[in-house]
């Protein structure tokens, strides 16, 4: 017998995404001890720039391991999130961050063209993230400037 679908509100979807991002900020575990991968469906998709598209929890775990080897810490600015909800399983969030990359620290707005601004598009169903596509500039330390004459 197929598993029952759990109806969700937009606020519940936002809560799942927020809990995932807080676990990300906390080194991969929520404050109540929930491992970050527990927020994802078994067959979830995860996209991150310069990494590519991960299929399923095993590849998502590898993605997080690779990101963790480069990003020492990150803090999302939850109070400043801009949510776009659709009344369906899809929602998007635009936000800012600061943190430390292995190449140095970053803070949104310092410099204005640098890292710290991001957007994520999520599909949340049955209390789990089915799809997370993250859009940002992964050059956290702002070292890739030679290729952009306006910098």
C-alpha atoms as a PDB file:
ATOM      1  CA  UNK A   1       0.000   0.000   0.000  1.00  0.00           C
ATOM      2  CA  UNK A   2       1.447   3.436  -0.947  1.00  0.00           C
ATOM      3  CA  UNK A   3       2.425   5.843   1.805  1.00  0.00           C
ATOM      4  CA  UNK A   4      -0.147   8.478   2.668  1.00  0.00           C
ATOM      5  CA  UNK A   5       0.515  12.015   1.499  1.00  0.00           C
ATOM      6  CA  UNK A   6       0.735  14.514   4.343  1.00  0.00           C
ATOM      7  CA  UNK A   7      -1.033  17.757   3.365  1.00  0.00           C
ATOM      8  CA  UNK A   8       1.092  20.792   4.200  1.00  0.00           C
ATOM      9  CA  UNK A   9       0.554  24.525   4.517  1.00  0.00           C
ATOM     10  CA  UNK A  10       2.992  27.132   3.192  1.00  0.00           C
ATOM     11  CA  UNK A  11       3.992  27.873   6.803  1.00  0.00           C
ATOM     12  CA  UNK A  12       4.863  24.215   7.364  1.00  0.00           C
ATOM     13  CA  UNK A  13       6.947  24.170   4.180  1.00  0.00           C
ATOM     14  CA  UNK A  14       8.769  27.312   5.317  1.00  0.00           C
ATOM     15  CA  UNK A  15       9.384  25.690   8.709  1.00  0.00           C
ATOM     16  CA  UNK A  16      10.985  22.618   7.076  1.00  0.00           C
ATOM     17  CA  UNK A  17      13.285  24.802   4.946  1.00  0.00           C
ATOM     18  CA  UNK A  18      14.163  26.996   7.935  1.00  0.00           C
ATOM     19  CA  UNK A  19      14.973  23.947  10.083  1.00  0.00           C
ATOM     20  CA  UNK A  20      17.214  22.572   7.299  1.00  0.00           C
ATOM     21  CA  UNK A  21      19.079  25.905   6.977  1.00  0.00           C
ATOM     22  CA  UNK A  22      19.511  26.168  10.751  1.00  0.00           C
ATOM     23  CA  UNK A  23      20.982  22.657  10.766  1.00  0.00           C
ATOM     24  CA  UNK A  24      23.309  23.731   7.933  1.00  0.00           C
ATOM     25  CA  UNK A  25      24.444  26.708  10.045  1.00  0.00           C
ATOM     26  CA  UNK A  26      24.950  24.365  12.997  1.00  0.00           C
ATOM     27  CA  UNK A  27      27.426  22.125  11.186  1.00  0.00           C
ATOM     28  CA  UNK A  28      24.917  19.587   9.870  1.00  0.00           C
ATOM     29  CA  UNK A  29      22.781  18.881  12.912  1.00  0.00           C
ATOM     30  CA  UNK A  30      19.761  20.770  14.214  1.00  0.00           C
ATOM     31  CA  UNK A  31      19.723  22.062  17.766  1.00  0.00           C
ATOM     32  CA  UNK A  32      17.475  19.136  18.721  1.00  0.00           C
ATOM     33  CA  UNK A  33      19.973  16.649  17.246  1.00  0.00           C
ATOM     34  CA  UNK A  34      18.241  15.979  13.922  1.00  0.00           C
ATOM     35  CA  UNK A  35      20.837  15.181  11.226  1.00  0.00           C
ATOM     36  CA  UNK A  36      20.592  17.477   8.209  1.00  0.00           C
ATOM     37  CA  UNK A  37      19.887  14.605   5.812  1.00  0.00           C
ATOM     38  CA  UNK A  38      16.714  13.766   7.758  1.00  0.00           C
ATOM     39  CA  UNK A  39      15.110  16.862   6.213  1.00  0.00           C
ATOM     40  CA  UNK A  40      15.400  15.278   2.738  1.00  0.00           C
ATOM     41  CA  UNK A  41      13.385  12.594   0.955  1.00  0.00           C
ATOM     42  CA  UNK A  42      15.378   9.480  -0.001  1.00  0.00           C
ATOM     43  CA  UNK A  43      15.246  10.422  -3.710  1.00  0.00           C
ATOM     44  CA  UNK A  44      15.607  14.184  -3.266  1.00  0.00           C
ATOM     45  CA  UNK A  45      17.548  16.370  -5.684  1.00  0.00           C
ATOM     46  CA  UNK A  46      20.015  19.034  -4.550  1.00  0.00           C
ATOM     47  CA  UNK A  47      21.751  21.568  -6.805  1.00  0.00           C
ATOM     48  CA  UNK A  48      24.666  23.770  -5.754  1.00  0.00           C
ATOM     49  CA  UNK A  49      26.722  25.964  -8.138  1.00  0.00           C
ATOM     50  CA  UNK A  50      30.085  24.531  -9.182  1.00  0.00           C
ATOM     51  CA  UNK A  51      29.121  21.185  -7.632  1.00  0.00           C
ATOM     52  CA  UNK A  52      26.204  20.172  -9.819  1.00  0.00           C
ATOM     53  CA  UNK A  53      23.086  18.121  -9.259  1.00  0.00           C
ATOM     54  CA  UNK A  54      23.022  15.489  -6.517  1.00  0.00           C
ATOM     55  CA  UNK A  55      20.432  12.709  -6.689  1.00  0.00           C
ATOM     56  CA  UNK A  56      19.406  11.013  -3.440  1.00  0.00           C
ATOM     57  CA  UNK A  57      20.654  11.265   0.119  1.00  0.00           C
ATOM     58  CA  UNK A  58      24.017   9.570  -0.546  1.00  0.00           C
ATOM     59  CA  UNK A  59      25.004  12.142  -3.196  1.00  0.00           C
ATOM     60  CA  UNK A  60      23.555  15.003  -1.131  1.00  0.00           C
ATOM     61  CA  UNK A  61      25.723  13.820   1.769  1.00  0.00           C
ATOM     62  CA  UNK A  62      28.756  13.895  -0.539  1.00  0.00           C
ATOM     63  CA  UNK A  63      27.822  17.427  -1.638  1.00  0.00           C
ATOM     64  CA  UNK A  64      27.615  18.582   1.983  1.00  0.00           C
ATOM     65  CA  UNK A  65      30.960  16.924   2.723  1.00  0.00           C
ATOM     66  CA  UNK A  66      32.571  18.733  -0.188  1.00  0.00           C
ATOM     67  CA  UNK A  67      31.018  22.064   0.846  1.00  0.00           C
ATOM     68  CA  UNK A  68      32.064  21.482   4.447  1.00  0.00           C
ATOM     69  CA  UNK A  69      35.663  21.056   3.377  1.00  0.00           C
ATOM     70  CA  UNK A  70      35.618  24.592   1.948  1.00  0.00           C
ATOM     71  CA  UNK A  71      33.148  26.467   4.172  1.00  0.00           C
ATOM     72  CA  UNK A  72      34.237  26.654   7.805  1.00  0.00           C
ATOM     73  CA  UNK A  73      31.084  28.383   9.034  1.00  0.00           C
ATOM     74  CA  UNK A  74      27.959  30.056   7.701  1.00  0.00           C
ATOM     75  CA  UNK A  75      25.145  32.010   9.275  1.00  0.00           C
ATOM     76  CA  UNK A  76      21.923  32.698   7.412  1.00  0.00           C
ATOM     77  CA  UNK A  77      20.150  35.949   8.305  1.00  0.00           C
ATOM     78  CA  UNK A  78      16.711  34.449   8.929  1.00  0.00           C
ATOM     79  CA  UNK A  79      15.006  37.690   9.951  1.00  0.00           C
ATOM     80  CA  UNK A  80      15.727  39.191   6.524  1.00  0.00           C
ATOM     81  CA  UNK A  81      14.410  36.295   4.394  1.00  0.00           C
ATOM     82  CA  UNK A  82      12.060  37.108   1.523  1.00  0.00           C
ATOM     83  CA  UNK A  83       9.725  34.162   0.953  1.00  0.00           C
ATOM     84  CA  UNK A  84       7.837  33.472  -2.250  1.00  0.00           C
ATOM     85  CA  UNK A  85       5.124  30.928  -1.652  1.00  0.00           C
ATOM     86  CA  UNK A  86       2.947  29.432  -4.344  1.00  0.00           C
ATOM     87  CA  UNK A  87       0.268  27.528  -2.455  1.00  0.00           C
ATOM     88  CA  UNK A  88       1.778  24.373  -3.968  1.00  0.00           C
ATOM     89  CA  UNK A  89       4.755  22.229  -2.965  1.00  0.00           C
ATOM     90  CA  UNK A  90       7.121  24.877  -4.420  1.00  0.00           C
ATOM     91  CA  UNK A  91       8.504  27.869  -2.572  1.00  0.00           C
ATOM     92  CA  UNK A  92      11.516  30.120  -2.906  1.00  0.00           C
ATOM     93  CA  UNK A  93      13.509  32.101  -0.409  1.00  0.00           C
ATOM     94  CA  UNK A  94      15.947  34.939  -0.964  1.00  0.00           C
ATOM     95  CA  UNK A  95      18.402  35.688   1.778  1.00  0.00           C
ATOM     96  CA  UNK A  96      21.803  36.808   2.955  1.00  0.00           C
ATOM     97  CA  UNK A  97      24.648  35.204   4.907  1.00  0.00           C
ATOM     98  CA  UNK A  98      28.029  35.736   6.447  1.00  0.00           C
ATOM     99  CA  UNK A  99      30.662  33.228   7.411  1.00  0.00           C
ATOM    100  CA  UNK A 100      34.139  31.932   6.830  1.00  0.00           C
ATOM    101  CA  UNK A 101      35.469  30.091   3.804  1.00  0.00           C
ATOM    102  CA  UNK A 102      38.857  28.332   3.811  1.00  0.00           C
ATOM    103  CA  UNK A 103      40.072  31.312   1.728  1.00  0.00           C
ATOM    104  CA  UNK A 104      38.784  33.889   4.199  1.00  0.00           C
ATOM    105  CA  UNK A 105      35.682  35.434   5.734  1.00  0.00           C
ATOM    106  CA  UNK A 106      32.740  36.906   3.873  1.00  0.00           C
ATOM    107  CA  UNK A 107      29.830  39.147   4.809  1.00  0.00           C
ATOM    108  CA  UNK A 108      26.994  40.237   2.590  1.00  0.00           C
ATOM    109  CA  UNK A 109      27.638  43.753   1.273  1.00  0.00           C
ATOM    110  CA  UNK A 110      31.395  43.693   1.992  1.00  0.00           C
ATOM    111  CA  UNK A 111      32.122  44.375  -0.814  1.00  0.00           C
ATOM    112  CA  UNK A 112      28.686  44.939  -2.317  1.00  0.00           C
ATOM    113  CA  UNK A 113      29.443  42.686  -5.309  1.00  0.00           C
ATOM    114  CA  UNK A 114      30.790  39.872  -3.128  1.00  0.00           C
ATOM    115  CA  UNK A 115      29.322  36.723  -1.653  1.00  0.00           C
ATOM    116  CA  UNK A 116      26.490  36.575   0.808  1.00  0.00           C
ATOM    117  CA  UNK A 117      23.373  36.922  -1.331  1.00  0.00           C
ATOM    118  CA  UNK A 118      21.583  33.743  -2.346  1.00  0.00           C
ATOM    119  CA  UNK A 119      18.270  32.306  -3.437  1.00  0.00           C
ATOM    120  CA  UNK A 120      16.898  28.807  -3.002  1.00  0.00           C
ATOM    121  CA  UNK A 121      14.009  27.094  -4.743  1.00  0.00           C
ATOM    122  CA  UNK A 122      12.534  24.233  -2.749  1.00  0.00           C
ATOM    123  CA  UNK A 123       9.912  21.570  -3.256  1.00  0.00           C
ATOM    124  CA  UNK A 124       8.604  20.358   0.095  1.00  0.00           C
ATOM    125  CA  UNK A 125       6.116  17.526   0.352  1.00  0.00           C
ATOM    126  CA  UNK A 126       5.259  15.006   3.067  1.00  0.00           C
ATOM    127  CA  UNK A 127       7.285  17.056   5.588  1.00  0.00           C
ATOM    128  CA  UNK A 128      10.483  16.484   3.556  1.00  0.00           C
ATOM    129  CA  UNK A 129      12.531  18.446   1.048  1.00  0.00           C
ATOM    130  CA  UNK A 130      12.079  16.762  -2.323  1.00  0.00           C
ATOM    131  CA  UNK A 131      14.143  19.273  -4.276  1.00  0.00           C
ATOM    132  CA  UNK A 132      16.500  22.092  -3.259  1.00  0.00           C
ATOM    133  CA  UNK A 133      18.220  24.231  -5.880  1.00  0.00           C
ATOM    134  CA  UNK A 134      20.554  26.835  -4.383  1.00  0.00           C
ATOM    135  CA  UNK A 135      21.666  29.822  -6.466  1.00  0.00           C
ATOM    136  CA  UNK A 136      24.621  31.915  -5.298  1.00  0.00           C
ATOM    137  CA  UNK A 137      28.152  32.957  -6.152  1.00  0.00           C
ATOM    138  CA  UNK A 138      30.370  30.255  -4.625  1.00  0.00           C
ATOM    139  CA  UNK A 139      33.417  32.571  -4.724  1.00  0.00           C
ATOM    140  CA  UNK A 140      32.983  33.363  -1.037  1.00  0.00           C
ATOM    141  CA  UNK A 141      36.400  34.971  -0.590  1.00  0.00           C
ATOM    142  CA  UNK A 142      35.985  37.213  -3.655  1.00  0.00           C
ATOM    143  CA  UNK A 143      39.181  36.003  -5.338  1.00  0.00           C
ATOM    144  CA  UNK A 144      37.738  35.471  -8.827  1.00  0.00           C
ATOM    145  CA  UNK A 145      38.018  39.099  -9.933  1.00  0.00           C
ATOM    146  CA  UNK A 146      40.437  38.982 -12.876  1.00  0.00           C
ATOM    147  CA  UNK A 147      37.751  37.677 -15.236  1.00  0.00           C
ATOM    148  CA  UNK A 148      35.342  40.579 -14.481  1.00  0.00           C
ATOM    149  CA  UNK A 149      36.599  43.952 -15.747  1.00  0.00           C
ATOM    150  CA  UNK A 150      33.937  45.887 -13.844  1.00  0.00           C
ATOM    151  CA  UNK A 151      35.463  44.743 -10.559  1.00  0.00           C
END
